[in-house]
C-alpha atoms as a PDB file:
ATOM      1  CA  UNK A   1      42.857-120.704 -53.003  1.00  0.00           C
ATOM      2  CA  UNK A   2      42.554-120.635 -49.361  1.00  0.00           C
ATOM      3  CA  UNK A   3      46.001-120.964 -48.699  1.00  0.00           C
ATOM      4  CA  UNK A   4      47.128-117.617 -50.403  1.00  0.00           C
ATOM      5  CA  UNK A   5      44.321-115.654 -48.458  1.00  0.00           C
ATOM      6  CA  UNK A   6      45.724-117.113 -45.135  1.00  0.00           C
ATOM      7  CA  UNK A   7      49.191-115.981 -46.172  1.00  0.00           C
ATOM      8  CA  UNK A   8      47.818-112.354 -47.295  1.00  0.00           C
ATOM      9  CA  UNK A   9      46.336-112.326 -43.546  1.00  0.00           C
ATOM     10  CA  UNK A  10      49.002-113.177 -41.844  1.00  0.00           C
ATOM     11  CA  UNK A  11      51.163-110.673 -43.810  1.00  0.00           C
ATOM     12  CA  UNK A  12      49.139-107.947 -42.892  1.00  0.00           C
ATOM     13  CA  UNK A  13      48.981-108.977 -39.238  1.00  0.00           C
ATOM     14  CA  UNK A  14      52.694-108.661 -38.899  1.00  0.00           C
ATOM     15  CA  UNK A  15      52.802-105.523 -40.793  1.00  0.00           C
ATOM     16  CA  UNK A  16      50.220-103.816 -38.371  1.00  0.00           C
ATOM     17  CA  UNK A  17      52.528-105.214 -35.129  1.00  0.00           C
ATOM     18  CA  UNK A  18      55.461-103.095 -36.572  1.00  0.00           C
ATOM     19  CA  UNK A  19      53.688-100.220 -36.964  1.00  0.00           C
ATOM     20  CA  UNK A  20      53.151-100.062 -33.206  1.00  0.00           C
ATOM     21  CA  UNK A  21      56.507-101.071 -32.117  1.00  0.00           C
ATOM     22  CA  UNK A  22      59.556 -98.241 -31.889  1.00  0.00           C
ATOM     23  CA  UNK A  23      61.920 -98.620 -34.009  1.00  0.00           C
ATOM     24  CA  UNK A  24      65.029-100.607 -32.523  1.00  0.00           C
ATOM     25  CA  UNK A  25      67.719 -98.917 -34.778  1.00  0.00           C
ATOM     26  CA  UNK A  26      66.381 -95.324 -34.151  1.00  0.00           C
ATOM     27  CA  UNK A  27      69.036 -93.149 -31.280  1.00  0.00           C
ATOM     28  CA  UNK A  28      68.037 -91.227 -28.284  1.00  0.00           C
ATOM     29  CA  UNK A  29      67.496 -87.303 -28.702  1.00  0.00           C
ATOM     30  CA  UNK A  30      70.473 -85.693 -27.851  1.00  0.00           C
ATOM     31  CA  UNK A  31      70.729 -84.497 -24.080  1.00  0.00           C
ATOM     32  CA  UNK A  32      72.554 -81.399 -22.958  1.00  0.00           C
ATOM     33  CA  UNK A  33      75.645 -82.214 -21.115  1.00  0.00           C
ATOM     34  CA  UNK A  34      77.287 -79.755 -18.668  1.00  0.00           C
ATOM     35  CA  UNK A  35      80.449 -78.007 -19.403  1.00  0.00           C
ATOM     36  CA  UNK A  36      83.402 -78.901 -17.524  1.00  0.00           C
ATOM     37  CA  UNK A  37      84.838 -75.211 -17.622  1.00  0.00           C
ATOM     38  CA  UNK A  38      84.278 -72.204 -15.258  1.00  0.00           C
ATOM     39  CA  UNK A  39      80.764 -70.700 -15.591  1.00  0.00           C
ATOM     40  CA  UNK A  40      80.648 -66.806 -16.190  1.00  0.00           C
ATOM     41  CA  UNK A  41      78.118 -65.178 -13.960  1.00  0.00           C
ATOM     42  CA  UNK A  42      77.062 -61.743 -15.393  1.00  0.00           C
ATOM     43  CA  UNK A  43      75.829 -59.337 -12.861  1.00  0.00           C
ATOM     44  CA  UNK A  44      74.133 -56.122 -14.096  1.00  0.00           C
ATOM     45  CA  UNK A  45      75.846 -53.316 -12.749  1.00  0.00           C
ATOM     46  CA  UNK A  46      74.119 -50.040 -12.412  1.00  0.00           C
ATOM     47  CA  UNK A  47      74.698 -47.109 -14.864  1.00  0.00           C
ATOM     48  CA  UNK A  48      76.860 -44.702 -13.845  1.00  0.00           C
ATOM     49  CA  UNK A  49      75.175 -40.837 -13.199  1.00  0.00           C
ATOM     50  CA  UNK A  50      75.728 -38.877 -16.042  1.00  0.00           C
ATOM     51  CA  UNK A  51      77.632 -35.525 -14.693  1.00  0.00           C
ATOM     52  CA  UNK A  52      75.721 -32.247 -16.628  1.00  0.00           C
ATOM     53  CA  UNK A  53      78.583 -29.435 -17.131  1.00  0.00           C
ATOM     54  CA  UNK A  54      78.039 -26.421 -14.941  1.00  0.00           C
ATOM     55  CA  UNK A  55      75.605 -23.416 -16.334  1.00  0.00           C
ATOM     56  CA  UNK A  56      78.004 -21.029 -18.249  1.00  0.00           C
ATOM     57  CA  UNK A  57      77.900 -18.138 -16.337  1.00  0.00           C
ATOM     58  CA  UNK A  58      75.709 -14.983 -17.455  1.00  0.00           C
ATOM     59  CA  UNK A  59      77.238 -12.345 -20.167  1.00  0.00           C
ATOM     60  CA  UNK A  60      78.362  -8.947 -18.143  1.00  0.00           C
ATOM     61  CA  UNK A  61      76.015  -6.250 -19.275  1.00  0.00           C
ATOM     62  CA  UNK A  62      77.708  -4.014 -21.767  1.00  0.00           C
ATOM     63  CA  UNK A  63      79.526  -0.932 -20.312  1.00  0.00           C
ATOM     64  CA  UNK A  64      78.981   2.393 -22.078  1.00  0.00           C
ATOM     65  CA  UNK A  65      81.983   4.592 -22.332  1.00  0.00           C
ATOM     66  CA  UNK A  66      82.269   7.693 -20.492  1.00  0.00           C
ATOM     67  CA  UNK A  67      81.257  10.473 -22.578  1.00  0.00           C
ATOM     68  CA  UNK A  68      84.400  12.687 -23.251  1.00  0.00           C
ATOM     69  CA  UNK A  69      85.393  15.889 -22.186  1.00  0.00           C
ATOM     70  CA  UNK A  70      83.777  18.788 -24.926  1.00  0.00           C
ATOM     71  CA  UNK A  71      81.943  16.122 -26.554  1.00  0.00           C
ATOM     72  CA  UNK A  72      78.205  16.874 -27.187  1.00  0.00           C
ATOM     73  CA  UNK A  73      76.792  14.251 -24.188  1.00  0.00           C
ATOM     74  CA  UNK A  74      79.273  15.645 -21.741  1.00  0.00           C
ATOM     75  CA  UNK A  75      78.010  19.044 -22.311  1.00  0.00           C
ATOM     76  CA  UNK A  76      74.333  17.837 -22.714  1.00  0.00           C
ATOM     77  CA  UNK A  77      74.874  16.483 -19.110  1.00  0.00           C
ATOM     78  CA  UNK A  78      76.612  19.317 -17.695  1.00  0.00           C
ATOM     79  CA  UNK A  79      73.507  21.331 -18.761  1.00  0.00           C
ATOM     80  CA  UNK A  80      71.308  18.944 -16.868  1.00  0.00           C
ATOM     81  CA  UNK A  81      73.006  18.699 -13.804  1.00  0.00           C
ATOM     82  CA  UNK A  82      71.991  21.927 -11.983  1.00  0.00           C
ATOM     83  CA  UNK A  83      75.522  23.211 -10.048  1.00  0.00           C
ATOM     84  CA  UNK A  84      75.155  24.232  -6.677  1.00  0.00           C
ATOM     85  CA  UNK A  85      75.457  27.748  -5.811  1.00  0.00           C
ATOM     86  CA  UNK A  86      76.192  29.759  -2.433  1.00  0.00           C
ATOM     87  CA  UNK A  87      73.691  31.968  -1.659  1.00  0.00           C
ATOM     88  CA  UNK A  88      74.434  35.834  -2.046  1.00  0.00           C
ATOM     89  CA  UNK A  89      75.894  36.748   1.476  1.00  0.00           C
ATOM     90  CA  UNK A  90      76.594  33.552   2.209  1.00  0.00           C
ATOM     91  CA  UNK A  91      79.122  32.084   4.178  1.00  0.00           C
ATOM     92  CA  UNK A  92      81.606  31.875   1.119  1.00  0.00           C
ATOM     93  CA  UNK A  93      80.694  35.473  -0.015  1.00  0.00           C
ATOM     94  CA  UNK A  94      81.819  36.206   3.676  1.00  0.00           C
ATOM     95  CA  UNK A  95      85.031  34.459   3.533  1.00  0.00           C
ATOM     96  CA  UNK A  96      86.074  36.190   0.245  1.00  0.00           C
ATOM     97  CA  UNK A  97      84.742  39.624   0.949  1.00  0.00           C
ATOM     98  CA  UNK A  98      87.685  42.200   0.614  1.00  0.00           C
ATOM     99  CA  UNK A  99      90.043  39.698  -1.346  1.00  0.00           C
ATOM    100  CA  UNK A 100      88.471  40.641  -4.875  1.00  0.00           C
ATOM    101  CA  UNK A 101      91.286  41.940  -7.184  1.00  0.00           C
ATOM    102  CA  UNK A 102      90.511  44.979  -8.757  1.00  0.00           C
ATOM    103  CA  UNK A 103      90.059  45.038 -12.919  1.00  0.00           C
ATOM    104  CA  UNK A 104      93.510  44.981 -14.535  1.00  0.00           C
ATOM    105  CA  UNK A 105      94.483  48.222 -16.357  1.00  0.00           C
ATOM    106  CA  UNK A 106      94.222  48.276 -20.249  1.00  0.00           C
ATOM    107  CA  UNK A 107      96.511  46.540 -22.083  1.00  0.00           C
ATOM    108  CA  UNK A 108      99.175  49.378 -23.549  1.00  0.00           C
ATOM    109  CA  UNK A 109      99.797  49.630 -27.205  1.00  0.00           C
ATOM    110  CA  UNK A 110     102.934  48.082 -28.341  1.00  0.00           C
ATOM    111  CA  UNK A 111     102.866  48.601 -32.348  1.00  0.00           C
ATOM    112  CA  UNK A 112     102.477  51.371 -33.950  1.00  0.00           C
ATOM    113  CA  UNK A 113      98.854  52.191 -35.365  1.00  0.00           C
ATOM    114  CA  UNK A 114      97.990  54.218 -38.582  1.00  0.00           C
ATOM    115  CA  UNK A 115      95.556  57.286 -37.441  1.00  0.00           C
ATOM    116  CA  UNK A 116      95.190  59.041 -40.894  1.00  0.00           C
ATOM    117  CA  UNK A 117      96.419  57.382 -44.462  1.00  0.00           C
ATOM    118  CA  UNK A 118      95.913  60.340 -47.315  1.00  0.00           C
ATOM    119  CA  UNK A 119      97.434  60.079 -50.839  1.00  0.00           C
ATOM    120  CA  UNK A 120     100.099  62.485 -49.776  1.00  0.00           C
ATOM    121  CA  UNK A 121     100.543  61.700 -46.201  1.00  0.00           C
ATOM    122  CA  UNK A 122      99.932  59.105 -43.052  1.00  0.00           C
ATOM    123  CA  UNK A 123     100.002  59.956 -39.495  1.00  0.00           C
ATOM    124  CA  UNK A 124     101.020  57.132 -37.001  1.00  0.00           C
ATOM    125  CA  UNK A 125     100.377  56.671 -33.346  1.00  0.00           C
ATOM    126  CA  UNK A 126     103.954  55.631 -31.945  1.00  0.00           C
ATOM    127  CA  UNK A 127     103.644  53.147 -29.080  1.00  0.00           C
ATOM    128  CA  UNK A 128     102.800  54.404 -25.933  1.00  0.00           C
ATOM    129  CA  UNK A 129     104.558  54.671 -22.421  1.00  0.00           C
ATOM    130  CA  UNK A 130     102.649  53.622 -19.022  1.00  0.00           C
ATOM    131  CA  UNK A 131     101.024  56.671 -17.941  1.00  0.00           C
ATOM    132  CA  UNK A 132      99.299  57.184 -14.554  1.00  0.00           C
ATOM    133  CA  UNK A 133      96.431  59.563 -13.439  1.00  0.00           C
ATOM    134  CA  UNK A 134      97.391  63.221 -12.822  1.00  0.00           C
ATOM    135  CA  UNK A 135     101.043  63.001 -13.804  1.00  0.00           C
ATOM    136  CA  UNK A 136     102.751  64.130 -17.457  1.00  0.00           C
ATOM    137  CA  UNK A 137     102.358  61.771 -20.106  1.00  0.00           C
ATOM    138  CA  UNK A 138     103.395  62.009 -23.802  1.00  0.00           C
ATOM    139  CA  UNK A 139     102.004  60.860 -27.350  1.00  0.00           C
ATOM    140  CA  UNK A 140     103.976  60.935 -30.714  1.00  0.00           C
ATOM    141  CA  UNK A 141     102.521  61.208 -33.731  1.00  0.00           C
ATOM    142  CA  UNK A 142     105.010  60.680 -36.642  1.00  0.00           C
ATOM    143  CA  UNK A 143     103.977  62.546 -40.155  1.00  0.00           C
ATOM    144  CA  UNK A 144     105.493  60.977 -42.912  1.00  0.00           C
ATOM    145  CA  UNK A 145     104.715  62.410 -46.728  1.00  0.00           C
ATOM    146  CA  UNK A 146     104.341  60.268 -49.860  1.00  0.00           C
ATOM    147  CA  UNK A 147     103.988  60.412 -53.504  1.00  0.00           C
ATOM    148  CA  UNK A 148     107.267  62.211 -54.065  1.00  0.00           C
ATOM    149  CA  UNK A 149     106.292  65.028 -51.295  1.00  0.00           C
ATOM    150  CA  UNK A 150     108.193  66.344 -48.163  1.00  0.00           C
ATOM    151  CA  UNK A 151     107.460  67.627 -44.899  1.00  0.00           C
ATOM    152  CA  UNK A 152     107.536  71.432 -44.871  1.00  0.00           C
ATOM    153  CA  UNK A 153     109.062  72.733 -41.892  1.00  0.00           C
ATOM    154  CA  UNK A 154     108.505  76.229 -42.576  1.00  0.00           C
ATOM    155  CA  UNK A 155     104.747  75.402 -41.798  1.00  0.00           C
ATOM    156  CA  UNK A 156     103.763  76.019 -38.437  1.00  0.00           C
ATOM    157  CA  UNK A 157     102.380  72.509 -37.262  1.00  0.00           C
ATOM    158  CA  UNK A 158     100.656  72.329 -34.375  1.00  0.00           C
ATOM    159  CA  UNK A 159      97.761  69.693 -32.726  1.00  0.00           C
ATOM    160  CA  UNK A 160      94.379  71.668 -32.184  1.00  0.00           C
ATOM    161  CA  UNK A 161      93.165  69.454 -29.120  1.00  0.00           C
ATOM    162  CA  UNK A 162      89.206  69.100 -28.586  1.00  0.00           C
ATOM    163  CA  UNK A 163      88.766  69.754 -25.006  1.00  0.00           C
ATOM    164  CA  UNK A 164      88.035  66.786 -22.719  1.00  0.00           C
ATOM    165  CA  UNK A 165      87.118  66.500 -18.942  1.00  0.00           C
ATOM    166  CA  UNK A 166      89.196  62.932 -18.982  1.00  0.00           C
ATOM    167  CA  UNK A 167      92.262  64.781 -20.472  1.00  0.00           C
ATOM    168  CA  UNK A 168      93.978  67.839 -20.465  1.00  0.00           C
ATOM    169  CA  UNK A 169      96.792  68.565 -23.010  1.00  0.00           C
ATOM    170  CA  UNK A 170      99.523  71.126 -22.563  1.00  0.00           C
ATOM    171  CA  UNK A 171     100.145  73.094 -25.860  1.00  0.00           C
ATOM    172  CA  UNK A 172      99.766  72.331 -29.474  1.00  0.00           C
ATOM    173  CA  UNK A 173     102.647  69.783 -29.409  1.00  0.00           C
ATOM    174  CA  UNK A 174     106.230  70.123 -30.043  1.00  0.00           C
ATOM    175  CA  UNK A 175     107.766  69.136 -33.674  1.00  0.00           C
ATOM    176  CA  UNK A 176     110.852  67.413 -34.050  1.00  0.00           C
ATOM    177  CA  UNK A 177     112.073  66.646 -37.719  1.00  0.00           C
ATOM    178  CA  UNK A 178     113.081  63.349 -38.126  1.00  0.00           C
ATOM    179  CA  UNK A 179     113.960  63.108 -42.102  1.00  0.00           C
ATOM    180  CA  UNK A 180     112.987  64.961 -45.306  1.00  0.00           C
ATOM    181  CA  UNK A 181     110.171  63.575 -45.631  1.00  0.00           C
ATOM    182  CA  UNK A 182     108.836  63.137 -41.775  1.00  0.00           C
ATOM    183  CA  UNK A 183     108.256  65.100 -38.703  1.00  0.00           C
ATOM    184  CA  UNK A 184     107.378  63.535 -34.947  1.00  0.00           C
ATOM    185  CA  UNK A 185     104.767  65.700 -33.061  1.00  0.00           C
ATOM    186  CA  UNK A 186     104.919  65.361 -29.316  1.00  0.00           C
ATOM    187  CA  UNK A 187     101.692  65.999 -27.275  1.00  0.00           C
ATOM    188  CA  UNK A 188     101.808  66.470 -23.694  1.00  0.00           C
ATOM    189  CA  UNK A 189      98.959  66.087 -21.420  1.00  0.00           C
ATOM    190  CA  UNK A 190      97.451  64.978 -17.745  1.00  0.00           C
ATOM    191  CA  UNK A 191      94.808  62.458 -17.385  1.00  0.00           C
ATOM    192  CA  UNK A 192      92.162  62.557 -14.931  1.00  0.00           C
ATOM    193  CA  UNK A 193      91.420  59.194 -13.397  1.00  0.00           C
ATOM    194  CA  UNK A 194      92.629  55.631 -14.360  1.00  0.00           C
ATOM    195  CA  UNK A 195      91.270  54.041 -18.103  1.00  0.00           C
ATOM    196  CA  UNK A 196      91.197  54.757 -21.064  1.00  0.00           C
ATOM    197  CA  UNK A 197      91.554  58.577 -21.780  1.00  0.00           C
ATOM    198  CA  UNK A 198      90.274  59.518 -25.590  1.00  0.00           C
ATOM    199  CA  UNK A 199      92.298  62.169 -26.966  1.00  0.00           C
ATOM    200  CA  UNK A 200      90.846  64.105 -30.626  1.00  0.00           C
ATOM    201  CA  UNK A 201      92.378  67.165 -32.380  1.00  0.00           C
ATOM    202  CA  UNK A 202      93.182  68.361 -35.610  1.00  0.00           C
ATOM    203  CA  UNK A 203      96.471  67.960 -36.714  1.00  0.00           C
ATOM    204  CA  UNK A 204      97.786  71.111 -39.174  1.00  0.00           C
ATOM    205  CA  UNK A 205     100.559  70.323 -41.157  1.00  0.00           C
ATOM    206  CA  UNK A 206     101.555  70.786 -44.948  1.00  0.00           C
ATOM    207  CA  UNK A 207     103.737  68.888 -47.273  1.00  0.00           C
ATOM    208  CA  UNK A 208     105.115  70.171 -50.428  1.00  0.00           C
ATOM    209  CA  UNK A 209     107.381  69.364 -53.782  1.00  0.00           C
ATOM    210  CA  UNK A 210     109.671  71.785 -55.260  1.00  0.00           C
ATOM    211  CA  UNK A 211     107.050  73.243 -57.346  1.00  0.00           C
ATOM    212  CA  UNK A 212     103.837  73.439 -54.580  1.00  0.00           C
ATOM    213  CA  UNK A 213     102.854  72.782 -51.131  1.00  0.00           C
ATOM    214  CA  UNK A 214      99.377  71.126 -49.921  1.00  0.00           C
ATOM    215  CA  UNK A 215      98.168  72.276 -46.637  1.00  0.00           C
ATOM    216  CA  UNK A 216      95.871  69.771 -44.708  1.00  0.00           C
ATOM    217  CA  UNK A 217      94.202  69.412 -41.206  1.00  0.00           C
ATOM    218  CA  UNK A 218      92.977  65.960 -40.552  1.00  0.00           C
ATOM    219  CA  UNK A 219      91.268  64.674 -37.462  1.00  0.00           C
ATOM    220  CA  UNK A 220      92.723  62.263 -35.358  1.00  0.00           C
ATOM    221  CA  UNK A 221      91.494  60.284 -32.259  1.00  0.00           C
ATOM    222  CA  UNK A 222      93.379  57.535 -30.262  1.00  0.00           C
ATOM    223  CA  UNK A 223      92.827  56.380 -26.718  1.00  0.00           C
ATOM    224  CA  UNK A 224      95.425  56.363 -24.280  1.00  0.00           C
ATOM    225  CA  UNK A 225      95.949  53.151 -21.463  1.00  0.00           C
ATOM    226  CA  UNK A 226      96.135  55.333 -17.744  1.00  0.00           C
ATOM    227  CA  UNK A 227      96.841  52.832 -14.611  1.00  0.00           C
END
């Protein structure tokens, strides 16, 4: 009995002694070994500067189109801008004094003009020839019978003019037969001055058929350009 207790005590002592000793077969911890290859050293580089793009040029201001000639804006601008004028009697007036042209003479008649139009006849003024003041001039009145009538050559046709200080009419007119239905009355006159010379008078005439004749005295009036 005592022997068993001694064995147990010895076994316990050996067990405690084995716990304090490090295990003989446990390998040592690994250690870092230097590499035999080249060592790469990474050197930090400075960051490249960021280049900003140049600012965009400013947009040009819109150009307003010039106003067209004859447009509303152009007329408005013309009215808004005063026009400088030379005062009366200034150097411009002195430079142009005596160079002004006289007024143009009245235009002469170039086409026949109907003076009287009736059912049985009509009176037409023929184109007038140029006429100068205080010189003999002529006007021609053509009478044409209508509606089956003919000009009465036996009737004393004449032009009774109304007196006027602007025109002097010579006689009562000269009758020339043109056809069975028409005749020309030539009126001779003299104008006192340049301008439009008015002539007014009654043209006494007659038109007939084979059975009846009609007598008339229509008043005719016309202007003669004199220059």
